[in-house]
Amino acid sequence: MNDTIAQTSVRKPTAKQGAAGPERSAQMLRRRFNRTCLSPLDLDVCERVFNQVCVDEGLDPLDPDAEILAVMVVAIFRNAHTNECELLEAVRSHRENHGNRPIASLKNAQRRLD
């Protein structure tokens, strides 16, 4: 009876399962890389949206609130709003709905980016 339990509880990975492991790891690494790294084109989109919102709201880009806005822009960009028009609309909508407050706080927004 103990031999039966030992045989049923131990499974050897098949060749197909072994191949899926490295593929899965690679996909996870790519996803992590894609969330943490922005290309120069991505940064350009975020910068244009940031600048437009600063102009719209009369916000000095060097103001501490602008730093929070910048983090918000990148966080929303990473949340699948990669089209410039969509990103601008999403940032404006968030700021209108939340009274120009940051997502939660600069610290929480930065944590979301990590």
PDB file of N, CA and C in Angstrom:
ATOM      1  N   MET A   1       0.827  -1.195   0.000  1.00  0.00           N
ATOM      2  CA  MET A   1       0.000   0.000   0.000  1.00  0.00           C
ATOM      3  C   MET A   1       0.868   1.255   0.000  1.00  0.00           C
ATOM      4  N   ASN A   2       1.946   1.276   0.748  1.00  0.00           N
ATOM      5  CA  ASN A   2       2.847   2.420   0.758  1.00  0.00           C
ATOM      6  C   ASN A   2       3.513   2.625  -0.592  1.00  0.00           C
ATOM      7  N   ASP A   3       3.817   1.516  -1.305  1.00  0.00           N
ATOM      8  CA  ASP A   3       4.397   1.633  -2.637  1.00  0.00           C
ATOM      9  C   ASP A   3       3.426   2.307  -3.591  1.00  0.00           C
ATOM     10  N   THR A   4       2.149   2.015  -3.454  1.00  0.00           N
ATOM     11  CA  THR A   4       1.128   2.614  -4.321  1.00  0.00           C
ATOM     12  C   THR A   4       1.052   4.120  -4.084  1.00  0.00           C
ATOM     13  N   ILE A   5       1.075   4.526  -2.836  1.00  0.00           N
ATOM     14  CA  ILE A   5       1.013   5.952  -2.510  1.00  0.00           C
ATOM     15  C   ILE A   5       2.240   6.665  -3.063  1.00  0.00           C
ATOM     16  N   ALA A   6       3.384   6.087  -2.884  1.00  0.00           N
ATOM     17  CA  ALA A   6       4.608   6.708  -3.372  1.00  0.00           C
ATOM     18  C   ALA A   6       4.597   6.829  -4.883  1.00  0.00           C
ATOM     19  N   GLN A   7       4.077   5.814  -5.563  1.00  0.00           N
ATOM     20  CA  GLN A   7       4.059   5.853  -7.019  1.00  0.00           C
ATOM     21  C   GLN A   7       3.065   6.873  -7.543  1.00  0.00           C
ATOM     22  N   THR A   8       1.934   7.051  -6.878  1.00  0.00           N
ATOM     23  CA  THR A   8       0.929   7.984  -7.373  1.00  0.00           C
ATOM     24  C   THR A   8       1.258   9.421  -7.011  1.00  0.00           C
ATOM     25  N   SER A   9       2.013   9.646  -5.946  1.00  0.00           N
ATOM     26  CA  SER A   9       2.277  11.019  -5.538  1.00  0.00           C
ATOM     27  C   SER A   9       3.502  11.621  -6.222  1.00  0.00           C
ATOM     28  N   VAL A  10       4.349  10.807  -6.800  1.00  0.00           N
ATOM     29  CA  VAL A  10       5.540  11.309  -7.473  1.00  0.00           C
ATOM     30  C   VAL A  10       5.314  11.266  -8.973  1.00  0.00           C
ATOM     31  N   ARG A  11       5.365  12.415  -9.586  1.00  0.00           N
ATOM     32  CA  ARG A  11       5.194  12.489 -11.033  1.00  0.00           C
ATOM     33  C   ARG A  11       6.455  13.028 -11.650  1.00  0.00           C
ATOM     34  N   LYS A  12       6.852  12.411 -12.713  1.00  0.00           N
ATOM     35  CA  LYS A  12       8.014  12.889 -13.436  1.00  0.00           C
ATOM     36  C   LYS A  12       7.537  13.819 -14.542  1.00  0.00           C
ATOM     37  N   PRO A  13       8.196  14.952 -14.711  1.00  0.00           N
ATOM     38  CA  PRO A  13       7.786  15.843 -15.793  1.00  0.00           C
ATOM     39  C   PRO A  13       8.059  15.211 -17.148  1.00  0.00           C
ATOM     40  N   THR A  14       7.123  15.406 -18.030  1.00  0.00           N
ATOM     41  CA  THR A  14       7.315  14.919 -19.391  1.00  0.00           C
ATOM     42  C   THR A  14       8.154  15.925 -20.149  1.00  0.00           C
ATOM     43  N   ALA A  15       8.594  15.552 -21.338  1.00  0.00           N
ATOM     44  CA  ALA A  15       9.400  16.459 -22.163  1.00  0.00           C
ATOM     45  C   ALA A  15       8.606  17.716 -22.487  1.00  0.00           C
ATOM     46  N   LYS A  16       7.310  17.565 -22.715  1.00  0.00           N
ATOM     47  CA  LYS A  16       6.467  18.720 -23.036  1.00  0.00           C
ATOM     48  C   LYS A  16       6.373  19.674 -21.850  1.00  0.00           C
ATOM     49  N   GLN A  17       6.195  19.137 -20.643  1.00  0.00           N
ATOM     50  CA  GLN A  17       6.130  19.980 -19.464  1.00  0.00           C
ATOM     51  C   GLN A  17       7.460  20.685 -19.217  1.00  0.00           C
ATOM     52  N   GLY A  18       8.560  19.991 -19.437  1.00  0.00           N
ATOM     53  CA  GLY A  18       9.872  20.594 -19.239  1.00  0.00           C
ATOM     54  C   GLY A  18      10.099  21.775 -20.161  1.00  0.00           C
ATOM     55  N   ALA A  19       9.627  21.688 -21.401  1.00  0.00           N
ATOM     56  CA  ALA A  19       9.790  22.777 -22.358  1.00  0.00           C
ATOM     57  C   ALA A  19       8.933  23.977 -21.985  1.00  0.00           C
ATOM     58  N   ALA A  20       7.777  23.700 -21.375  1.00  0.00           N
ATOM     59  CA  ALA A  20       6.877  24.795 -21.014  1.00  0.00           C
ATOM     60  C   ALA A  20       7.464  25.635 -19.888  1.00  0.00           C
ATOM     61  N   GLY A  21       8.262  25.024 -19.011  1.00  0.00           N
ATOM     62  CA  GLY A  21       8.847  25.755 -17.891  1.00  0.00           C
ATOM     63  C   GLY A  21       9.707  26.917 -18.337  1.00  0.00           C
ATOM     64  N   PRO A  22      10.716  26.689 -19.186  1.00  0.00           N
ATOM     65  CA  PRO A  22      11.543  27.802 -19.647  1.00  0.00           C
ATOM     66  C   PRO A  22      10.757  28.832 -20.464  1.00  0.00           C
ATOM     67  N   GLU A  23       9.814  28.372 -21.266  1.00  0.00           N
ATOM     68  CA  GLU A  23       8.986  29.313 -22.041  1.00  0.00           C
ATOM     69  C   GLU A  23       8.198  30.203 -21.106  1.00  0.00           C
ATOM     70  N   ARG A  24       7.633  29.603 -20.091  1.00  0.00           N
ATOM     71  CA  ARG A  24       6.826  30.358 -19.139  1.00  0.00           C
ATOM     72  C   ARG A  24       7.687  31.379 -18.408  1.00  0.00           C
ATOM     73  N   SER A  25       8.874  30.979 -18.019  1.00  0.00           N
ATOM     74  CA  SER A  25       9.787  31.908 -17.349  1.00  0.00           C
ATOM     75  C   SER A  25      10.162  33.065 -18.262  1.00  0.00           C
ATOM     76  N   ALA A  26      10.421  32.756 -19.508  1.00  0.00           N
ATOM     77  CA  ALA A  26      10.772  33.804 -20.466  1.00  0.00           C
ATOM     78  C   ALA A  26       9.612  34.777 -20.661  1.00  0.00           C
ATOM     79  N   GLN A  27       8.405  34.261 -20.729  1.00  0.00           N
ATOM     80  CA  GLN A  27       7.239  35.133 -20.875  1.00  0.00           C
ATOM     81  C   GLN A  27       7.089  36.034 -19.662  1.00  0.00           C
ATOM     82  N   MET A  28       7.284  35.472 -18.477  1.00  0.00           N
ATOM     83  CA  MET A  28       7.179  36.274 -17.266  1.00  0.00           C
ATOM     84  C   MET A  28       8.245  37.367 -17.242  1.00  0.00           C
ATOM     85  N   LEU A  29       9.462  37.031 -17.648  1.00  0.00           N
ATOM     86  CA  LEU A  29      10.527  38.034 -17.686  1.00  0.00           C
ATOM     87  C   LEU A  29      10.214  39.128 -18.703  1.00  0.00           C
ATOM     88  N   ARG A  30       9.696  38.739 -19.877  1.00  0.00           N
ATOM     89  CA  ARG A  30       9.337  39.740 -20.886  1.00  0.00           C
ATOM     90  C   ARG A  30       8.242  40.664 -20.362  1.00  0.00           C
ATOM     91  N   ARG A  31       7.246  40.083 -19.691  1.00  0.00           N
ATOM     92  CA  ARG A  31       6.177  40.918 -19.140  1.00  0.00           C
ATOM     93  C   ARG A  31       6.731  41.889 -18.116  1.00  0.00           C
ATOM     94  N   ARG A  32       7.594  41.417 -17.240  1.00  0.00           N
ATOM     95  CA  ARG A  32       8.189  42.275 -16.219  1.00  0.00           C
ATOM     96  C   ARG A  32       9.026  43.375 -16.870  1.00  0.00           C
ATOM     97  N   PHE A  33       9.827  43.007 -17.876  1.00  0.00           N
ATOM     98  CA  PHE A  33      10.646  43.985 -18.586  1.00  0.00           C
ATOM     99  C   PHE A  33       9.755  45.022 -19.261  1.00  0.00           C
ATOM    100  N   ASN A  34       8.699  44.576 -19.909  1.00  0.00           N
ATOM    101  CA  ASN A  34       7.815  45.496 -20.624  1.00  0.00           C
ATOM    102  C   ASN A  34       7.110  46.446 -19.675  1.00  0.00           C
ATOM    103  N   ARG A  35       6.853  46.005 -18.439  1.00  0.00           N
ATOM    104  CA  ARG A  35       6.197  46.890 -17.483  1.00  0.00           C
ATOM    105  C   ARG A  35       7.168  47.891 -16.898  1.00  0.00           C
ATOM    106  N   THR A  36       8.436  47.545 -16.804  1.00  0.00           N
ATOM    107  CA  THR A  36       9.376  48.421 -16.115  1.00  0.00           C
ATOM    108  C   THR A  36      10.169  49.317 -17.053  1.00  0.00           C
ATOM    109  N   CYS A  37      10.324  48.937 -18.300  1.00  0.00           N
ATOM    110  CA  CYS A  37      11.136  49.714 -19.229  1.00  0.00           C
ATOM    111  C   CYS A  37      10.260  50.397 -20.263  1.00  0.00           C
ATOM    112  N   LEU A  38      10.556  51.648 -20.490  1.00  0.00           N
ATOM    113  CA  LEU A  38       9.846  52.400 -21.518  1.00  0.00           C
ATOM    114  C   LEU A  38      10.833  52.741 -22.620  1.00  0.00           C
ATOM    115  N   SER A  39      10.382  52.619 -23.840  1.00  0.00           N
ATOM    116  CA  SER A  39      11.231  52.971 -24.972  1.00  0.00           C
ATOM    117  C   SER A  39      11.284  54.493 -25.098  1.00  0.00           C
ATOM    118  N   PRO A  40      12.216  55.011 -25.868  1.00  0.00           N
ATOM    119  CA  PRO A  40      12.244  56.459 -26.112  1.00  0.00           C
ATOM    120  C   PRO A  40      10.925  56.970 -26.703  1.00  0.00           C
ATOM    121  N   LEU A  41      10.292  56.183 -27.551  1.00  0.00           N
ATOM    122  CA  LEU A  41       8.998  56.595 -28.112  1.00  0.00           C
ATOM    123  C   LEU A  41       7.922  56.644 -27.033  1.00  0.00           C
ATOM    124  N   ASP A  42       7.932  55.671 -26.121  1.00  0.00           N
ATOM    125  CA  ASP A  42       6.984  55.672 -25.007  1.00  0.00           C
ATOM    126  C   ASP A  42       7.185  56.916 -24.143  1.00  0.00           C
ATOM    127  N   LEU A  43       8.439  57.229 -23.858  1.00  0.00           N
ATOM    128  CA  LEU A  43       8.746  58.405 -23.043  1.00  0.00           C
ATOM    129  C   LEU A  43       8.293  59.693 -23.736  1.00  0.00           C
ATOM    130  N   ASP A  44       8.439  59.742 -25.054  1.00  0.00           N
ATOM    131  CA  ASP A  44       7.977  60.914 -25.804  1.00  0.00           C
ATOM    132  C   ASP A  44       6.475  61.105 -25.660  1.00  0.00           C
ATOM    133  N   VAL A  45       5.731  60.011 -25.770  1.00  0.00           N
ATOM    134  CA  VAL A  45       4.268  60.069 -25.620  1.00  0.00           C
ATOM    135  C   VAL A  45       3.924  60.575 -24.223  1.00  0.00           C
ATOM    136  N   CYS A  46       4.542  59.988 -23.210  1.00  0.00           N
ATOM    137  CA  CYS A  46       4.267  60.396 -21.833  1.00  0.00           C
ATOM    138  C   CYS A  46       4.642  61.858 -21.595  1.00  0.00           C
ATOM    139  N   GLU A  47       5.756  62.279 -22.158  1.00  0.00           N
ATOM    140  CA  GLU A  47       6.194  63.666 -21.977  1.00  0.00           C
ATOM    141  C   GLU A  47       5.221  64.649 -22.631  1.00  0.00           C
ATOM    142  N   ARG A  48       4.761  64.331 -23.836  1.00  0.00           N
ATOM    143  CA  ARG A  48       3.802  65.224 -24.506  1.00  0.00           C
ATOM    144  C   ARG A  48       2.503  65.340 -23.713  1.00  0.00           C
ATOM    145  N   VAL A  49       2.028  64.219 -23.193  1.00  0.00           N
ATOM    146  CA  VAL A  49       0.803  64.249 -22.386  1.00  0.00           C
ATOM    147  C   VAL A  49       1.049  65.035 -21.103  1.00  0.00           C
ATOM    148  N   PHE A  50       2.158  64.786 -20.447  1.00  0.00           N
ATOM    149  CA  PHE A  50       2.512  65.523 -19.231  1.00  0.00           C
ATOM    150  C   PHE A  50       2.546  67.028 -19.508  1.00  0.00           C
ATOM    151  N   ASN A  51       3.233  67.430 -20.572  1.00  0.00           N
ATOM    152  CA  ASN A  51       3.335  68.855 -20.913  1.00  0.00           C
ATOM    153  C   ASN A  51       1.970  69.455 -21.204  1.00  0.00           C
ATOM    154  N   GLN A  52       1.111  68.725 -21.912  1.00  0.00           N
ATOM    155  CA  GLN A  52      -0.216  69.244 -22.254  1.00  0.00           C
ATOM    156  C   GLN A  52      -1.069  69.432 -21.001  1.00  0.00           C
ATOM    157  N   VAL A  53      -1.018  68.480 -20.090  1.00  0.00           N
ATOM    158  CA  VAL A  53      -1.794  68.605 -18.849  1.00  0.00           C
ATOM    159  C   VAL A  53      -1.254  69.761 -18.011  1.00  0.00           C
ATOM    160  N   CYS A  54       0.068  69.940 -17.970  1.00  0.00           N
ATOM    161  CA  CYS A  54       0.646  71.083 -17.250  1.00  0.00           C
ATOM    162  C   CYS A  54       0.144  72.399 -17.827  1.00  0.00           C
ATOM    163  N   VAL A  55       0.123  72.507 -19.157  1.00  0.00           N
ATOM    164  CA  VAL A  55      -0.380  73.724 -19.805  1.00  0.00           C
ATOM    165  C   VAL A  55      -1.865  73.915 -19.491  1.00  0.00           C
ATOM    166  N   ASP A  56      -2.645  72.849 -19.649  1.00  0.00           N
ATOM    167  CA  ASP A  56      -4.096  72.924 -19.406  1.00  0.00           C
ATOM    168  C   ASP A  56      -4.418  73.380 -17.990  1.00  0.00           C
ATOM    169  N   GLU A  57      -3.640  72.915 -17.028  1.00  0.00           N
ATOM    170  CA  GLU A  57      -3.928  73.195 -15.618  1.00  0.00           C
ATOM    171  C   GLU A  57      -3.076  74.320 -15.046  1.00  0.00           C
ATOM    172  N   GLY A  58      -2.225  74.936 -15.883  1.00  0.00           N
ATOM    173  CA  GLY A  58      -1.358  76.010 -15.402  1.00  0.00           C
ATOM    174  C   GLY A  58      -0.390  75.526 -14.327  1.00  0.00           C
ATOM    175  N   LEU A  59       0.075  74.307 -14.489  1.00  0.00           N
ATOM    176  CA  LEU A  59       0.957  73.687 -13.516  1.00  0.00           C
ATOM    177  C   LEU A  59       2.407  73.847 -13.952  1.00  0.00           C
ATOM    178  N   ASP A  60       3.243  74.334 -13.039  1.00  0.00           N
ATOM    179  CA  ASP A  60       4.673  74.457 -13.328  1.00  0.00           C
ATOM    180  C   ASP A  60       5.278  73.055 -13.385  1.00  0.00           C
ATOM    181  N   PRO A  61       5.918  72.686 -14.492  1.00  0.00           N
ATOM    182  CA  PRO A  61       6.502  71.338 -14.612  1.00  0.00           C
ATOM    183  C   PRO A  61       7.540  71.012 -13.548  1.00  0.00           C
ATOM    184  N   LEU A  62       8.078  72.024 -12.862  1.00  0.00           N
ATOM    185  CA  LEU A  62       9.065  71.790 -11.813  1.00  0.00           C
ATOM    186  C   LEU A  62       8.440  71.727 -10.419  1.00  0.00           C
ATOM    187  N   ASP A  63       7.135  71.937 -10.337  1.00  0.00           N
ATOM    188  CA  ASP A  63       6.402  71.884  -9.073  1.00  0.00           C
ATOM    189  C   ASP A  63       6.336  70.438  -8.567  1.00  0.00           C
ATOM    190  N   PRO A  64       6.352  70.231  -7.256  1.00  0.00           N
ATOM    191  CA  PRO A  64       6.222  68.863  -6.732  1.00  0.00           C
ATOM    192  C   PRO A  64       4.942  68.151  -7.202  1.00  0.00           C
ATOM    193  N   ASP A  65       3.862  68.897  -7.387  1.00  0.00           N
ATOM    194  CA  ASP A  65       2.625  68.287  -7.902  1.00  0.00           C
ATOM    195  C   ASP A  65       2.820  67.764  -9.320  1.00  0.00           C
ATOM    196  N   ALA A  66       3.707  68.402 -10.062  1.00  0.00           N
ATOM    197  CA  ALA A  66       3.984  67.942 -11.423  1.00  0.00           C
ATOM    198  C   ALA A  66       4.709  66.600 -11.390  1.00  0.00           C
ATOM    199  N   GLU A  67       5.521  66.378 -10.369  1.00  0.00           N
ATOM    200  CA  GLU A  67       6.188  65.084 -10.243  1.00  0.00           C
ATOM    201  C   GLU A  67       5.152  63.980 -10.025  1.00  0.00           C
ATOM    202  N   ILE A  68       4.161  64.273  -9.217  1.00  0.00           N
ATOM    203  CA  ILE A  68       3.080  63.321  -8.992  1.00  0.00           C
ATOM    204  C   ILE A  68       2.314  63.094 -10.291  1.00  0.00           C
ATOM    205  N   LEU A  69       2.074  64.159 -11.042  1.00  0.00           N
ATOM    206  CA  LEU A  69       1.412  64.032 -12.340  1.00  0.00           C
ATOM    207  C   LEU A  69       2.228  63.140 -13.275  1.00  0.00           C
ATOM    208  N   ALA A  70       3.538  63.327 -13.294  1.00  0.00           N
ATOM    209  CA  ALA A  70       4.403  62.519 -14.166  1.00  0.00           C
ATOM    210  C   ALA A  70       4.297  61.033 -13.820  1.00  0.00           C
ATOM    211  N   VAL A  71       4.300  60.729 -12.539  1.00  0.00           N
ATOM    212  CA  VAL A  71       4.158  59.341 -12.114  1.00  0.00           C
ATOM    213  C   VAL A  71       2.796  58.799 -12.543  1.00  0.00           C
ATOM    214  N   MET A  72       1.769  59.622 -12.412  1.00  0.00           N
ATOM    215  CA  MET A  72       0.423  59.228 -12.819  1.00  0.00           C
ATOM    216  C   MET A  72       0.365  58.940 -14.315  1.00  0.00           C
ATOM    217  N   VAL A  73       0.964  59.810 -15.112  1.00  0.00           N
ATOM    218  CA  VAL A  73       0.964  59.625 -16.566  1.00  0.00           C
ATOM    219  C   VAL A  73       1.609  58.282 -16.925  1.00  0.00           C
ATOM    220  N   VAL A  74       2.748  58.000 -16.327  1.00  0.00           N
ATOM    221  CA  VAL A  74       3.440  56.738 -16.626  1.00  0.00           C
ATOM    222  C   VAL A  74       2.624  55.543 -16.135  1.00  0.00           C
ATOM    223  N   ALA A  75       2.019  55.657 -14.963  1.00  0.00           N
ATOM    224  CA  ALA A  75       1.210  54.556 -14.434  1.00  0.00           C
ATOM    225  C   ALA A  75       0.020  54.270 -15.345  1.00  0.00           C
ATOM    226  N   ILE A  76      -0.641  55.313 -15.807  1.00  0.00           N
ATOM    227  CA  ILE A  76      -1.783  55.123 -16.703  1.00  0.00           C
ATOM    228  C   ILE A  76      -1.304  54.593 -18.048  1.00  0.00           C
ATOM    229  N   PHE A  77      -0.174  55.073 -18.527  1.00  0.00           N
ATOM    230  CA  PHE A  77       0.400  54.561 -19.774  1.00  0.00           C
ATOM    231  C   PHE A  77       0.637  53.056 -19.660  1.00  0.00           C
ATOM    232  N   ARG A  78       1.204  52.638 -18.562  1.00  0.00           N
ATOM    233  CA  ARG A  78       1.500  51.213 -18.364  1.00  0.00           C
ATOM    234  C   ARG A  78       0.242  50.385 -18.168  1.00  0.00           C
ATOM    235  N   ASN A  79      -0.855  51.043 -17.891  1.00  0.00           N
ATOM    236  CA  ASN A  79      -2.123  50.341 -17.712  1.00  0.00           C
ATOM    237  C   ASN A  79      -2.862  50.250 -19.049  1.00  0.00           C
ATOM    238  N   ALA A  80      -2.108  50.140 -20.144  1.00  0.00           N
ATOM    239  CA  ALA A  80      -2.622  49.859 -21.488  1.00  0.00           C
ATOM    240  C   ALA A  80      -3.142  51.072 -22.253  1.00  0.00           C
ATOM    241  N   HIS A  81      -2.952  52.264 -21.742  1.00  0.00           N
ATOM    242  CA  HIS A  81      -3.333  53.460 -22.498  1.00  0.00           C
ATOM    243  C   HIS A  81      -2.095  53.995 -23.215  1.00  0.00           C
ATOM    244  N   THR A  82      -1.652  53.285 -24.244  1.00  0.00           N
ATOM    245  CA  THR A  82      -0.402  53.650 -24.904  1.00  0.00           C
ATOM    246  C   THR A  82      -0.597  54.594 -26.084  1.00  0.00           C
ATOM    247  N   ASN A  83      -1.821  54.767 -26.527  1.00  0.00           N
ATOM    248  CA  ASN A  83      -2.134  55.723 -27.583  1.00  0.00           C
ATOM    249  C   ASN A  83      -2.150  57.111 -26.948  1.00  0.00           C
ATOM    250  N   GLU A  84      -1.501  58.079 -27.574  1.00  0.00           N
ATOM    251  CA  GLU A  84      -1.366  59.410 -26.974  1.00  0.00           C
ATOM    252  C   GLU A  84      -2.712  60.059 -26.658  1.00  0.00           C
ATOM    253  N   CYS A  85      -3.640  59.973 -27.584  1.00  0.00           N
ATOM    254  CA  CYS A  85      -4.965  60.578 -27.351  1.00  0.00           C
ATOM    255  C   CYS A  85      -5.692  59.895 -26.203  1.00  0.00           C
ATOM    256  N   GLU A  86      -5.630  58.557 -26.187  1.00  0.00           N
ATOM    257  CA  GLU A  86      -6.276  57.804 -25.099  1.00  0.00           C
ATOM    258  C   GLU A  86      -5.619  58.123 -23.761  1.00  0.00           C
ATOM    259  N   LEU A  87      -4.312  58.211 -23.763  1.00  0.00           N
ATOM    260  CA  LEU A  87      -3.586  58.510 -22.537  1.00  0.00           C
ATOM    261  C   LEU A  87      -3.961  59.891 -22.008  1.00  0.00           C
ATOM    262  N   LEU A  88      -3.980  60.878 -22.883  1.00  0.00           N
ATOM    263  CA  LEU A  88      -4.342  62.234 -22.475  1.00  0.00           C
ATOM    264  C   LEU A  88      -5.755  62.254 -21.902  1.00  0.00           C
ATOM    265  N   GLU A  89      -6.677  61.587 -22.575  1.00  0.00           N
ATOM    266  CA  GLU A  89      -8.061  61.539 -22.099  1.00  0.00           C
ATOM    267  C   GLU A  89      -8.160  60.821 -20.743  1.00  0.00           C
ATOM    268  N   ALA A  90      -7.426  59.723 -20.590  1.00  0.00           N
ATOM    269  CA  ALA A  90      -7.457  58.973 -19.330  1.00  0.00           C
ATOM    270  C   ALA A  90      -6.879  59.799 -18.182  1.00  0.00           C
ATOM    271  N   VAL A  91      -5.794  60.522 -18.437  1.00  0.00           N
ATOM    272  CA  VAL A  91      -5.189  61.364 -17.393  1.00  0.00           C
ATOM    273  C   VAL A  91      -6.133  62.498 -17.040  1.00  0.00           C
ATOM    274  N   ARG A  92      -6.691  63.167 -18.032  1.00  0.00           N
ATOM    275  CA  ARG A  92      -7.646  64.249 -17.767  1.00  0.00           C
ATOM    276  C   ARG A  92      -8.847  63.738 -16.985  1.00  0.00           C
ATOM    277  N   SER A  93      -9.374  62.599 -17.404  1.00  0.00           N
ATOM    278  CA  SER A  93     -10.537  62.013 -16.739  1.00  0.00           C
ATOM    279  C   SER A  93     -10.220  61.686 -15.285  1.00  0.00           C
ATOM    280  N   HIS A  94      -9.066  61.096 -15.055  1.00  0.00           N
ATOM    281  CA  HIS A  94      -8.698  60.764 -13.684  1.00  0.00           C
ATOM    282  C   HIS A  94      -8.577  62.018 -12.831  1.00  0.00           C
ATOM    283  N   ARG A  95      -7.959  63.030 -13.373  1.00  0.00           N
ATOM    284  CA  ARG A  95      -7.766  64.265 -12.602  1.00  0.00           C
ATOM    285  C   ARG A  95      -9.074  64.994 -12.378  1.00  0.00           C
ATOM    286  N   GLU A  96      -9.987  64.938 -13.341  1.00  0.00           N
ATOM    287  CA  GLU A  96     -11.307  65.556 -13.146  1.00  0.00           C
ATOM    288  C   GLU A  96     -12.114  64.793 -12.103  1.00  0.00           C
ATOM    289  N   ASN A  97     -12.096  63.478 -12.192  1.00  0.00           N
ATOM    290  CA  ASN A  97     -12.880  62.651 -11.269  1.00  0.00           C
ATOM    291  C   ASN A  97     -12.328  62.649  -9.854  1.00  0.00           C
ATOM    292  N   HIS A  98     -11.052  62.963  -9.708  1.00  0.00           N
ATOM    293  CA  HIS A  98     -10.428  62.923  -8.398  1.00  0.00           C
ATOM    294  C   HIS A  98      -9.960  64.313  -7.949  1.00  0.00           C
ATOM    295  N   GLY A  99     -10.495  65.347  -8.544  1.00  0.00           N
ATOM    296  CA  GLY A  99     -10.169  66.705  -8.124  1.00  0.00           C
ATOM    297  C   GLY A  99      -8.705  67.058  -8.238  1.00  0.00           C
ATOM    298  N   ASN A 100      -8.053  66.610  -9.325  1.00  0.00           N
ATOM    299  CA  ASN A 100      -6.636  66.857  -9.567  1.00  0.00           C
ATOM    300  C   ASN A 100      -5.742  66.278  -8.483  1.00  0.00           C
ATOM    301  N   ARG A 101      -6.259  65.307  -7.751  1.00  0.00           N
ATOM    302  CA  ARG A 101      -5.440  64.632  -6.753  1.00  0.00           C
ATOM    303  C   ARG A 101      -4.624  63.553  -7.443  1.00  0.00           C
ATOM    304  N   PRO A 102      -3.506  63.184  -6.858  1.00  0.00           N
ATOM    305  CA  PRO A 102      -2.736  62.074  -7.423  1.00  0.00           C
ATOM    306  C   PRO A 102      -3.494  60.765  -7.264  1.00  0.00           C
ATOM    307  N   ILE A 103      -3.016  59.723  -7.911  1.00  0.00           N
ATOM    308  CA  ILE A 103      -3.666  58.413  -7.866  1.00  0.00           C
ATOM    309  C   ILE A 103      -3.977  58.036  -6.424  1.00  0.00           C
ATOM    310  N   ALA A 104      -3.022  58.046  -5.559  1.00  0.00           N
ATOM    311  CA  ALA A 104      -3.214  57.838  -4.129  1.00  0.00           C
ATOM    312  C   ALA A 104      -2.208  58.737  -3.428  1.00  0.00           C
ATOM    313  N   SER A 105      -0.989  58.508  -3.727  1.00  0.00           N
ATOM    314  CA  SER A 105       0.106  59.353  -3.279  1.00  0.00           C
ATOM    315  C   SER A 105       1.280  59.018  -4.180  1.00  0.00           C
ATOM    316  N   LEU A 106       2.271  59.842  -4.152  1.00  0.00           N
ATOM    317  CA  LEU A 106       3.448  59.583  -4.983  1.00  0.00           C
ATOM    318  C   LEU A 106       4.053  58.231  -4.635  1.00  0.00           C
ATOM    319  N   LYS A 107       4.125  57.917  -3.360  1.00  0.00           N
ATOM    320  CA  LYS A 107       4.724  56.658  -2.927  1.00  0.00           C
ATOM    321  C   LYS A 107       3.919  55.468  -3.453  1.00  0.00           C
ATOM    322  N   ASN A 108       2.594  55.507  -3.342  1.00  0.00           N
ATOM    323  CA  ASN A 108       1.761  54.404  -3.827  1.00  0.00           C
ATOM    324  C   ASN A 108       1.818  54.292  -5.334  1.00  0.00           C
ATOM    325  N   ALA A 109       1.847  55.399  -6.029  1.00  0.00           N
ATOM    326  CA  ALA A 109       1.924  55.354  -7.493  1.00  0.00           C
ATOM    327  C   ALA A 109       3.245  54.762  -7.941  1.00  0.00           C
ATOM    328  N   GLN A 110       4.330  55.146  -7.263  1.00  0.00           N
ATOM    329  CA  GLN A 110       5.625  54.582  -7.635  1.00  0.00           C
ATOM    330  C   GLN A 110       5.666  53.089  -7.335  1.00  0.00           C
ATOM    331  N   ARG A 111       5.039  52.672  -6.245  1.00  0.00           N
ATOM    332  CA  ARG A 111       4.992  51.248  -5.913  1.00  0.00           C
ATOM    333  C   ARG A 111       4.260  50.480  -7.005  1.00  0.00           C
ATOM    334  N   ARG A 112       3.213  51.068  -7.590  1.00  0.00           N
ATOM    335  CA  ARG A 112       2.481  50.418  -8.671  1.00  0.00           C
ATOM    336  C   ARG A 112       3.355  50.237  -9.894  1.00  0.00           C
ATOM    337  N   LEU A 113       4.300  51.140 -10.095  1.00  0.00           N
ATOM    338  CA  LEU A 113       5.171  51.039 -11.249  1.00  0.00           C
ATOM    339  C   LEU A 113       6.171  49.907 -11.096  1.00  0.00           C
ATOM    340  N   ASP A 114       6.519  49.587  -9.876  1.00  0.00           N
ATOM    341  CA  ASP A 114       7.465  48.496  -9.630  1.00  0.00           C
ATOM    342  C   ASP A 114       6.749  47.213  -9.711  1.00  0.00           C
TER     343      ASP A 114
END
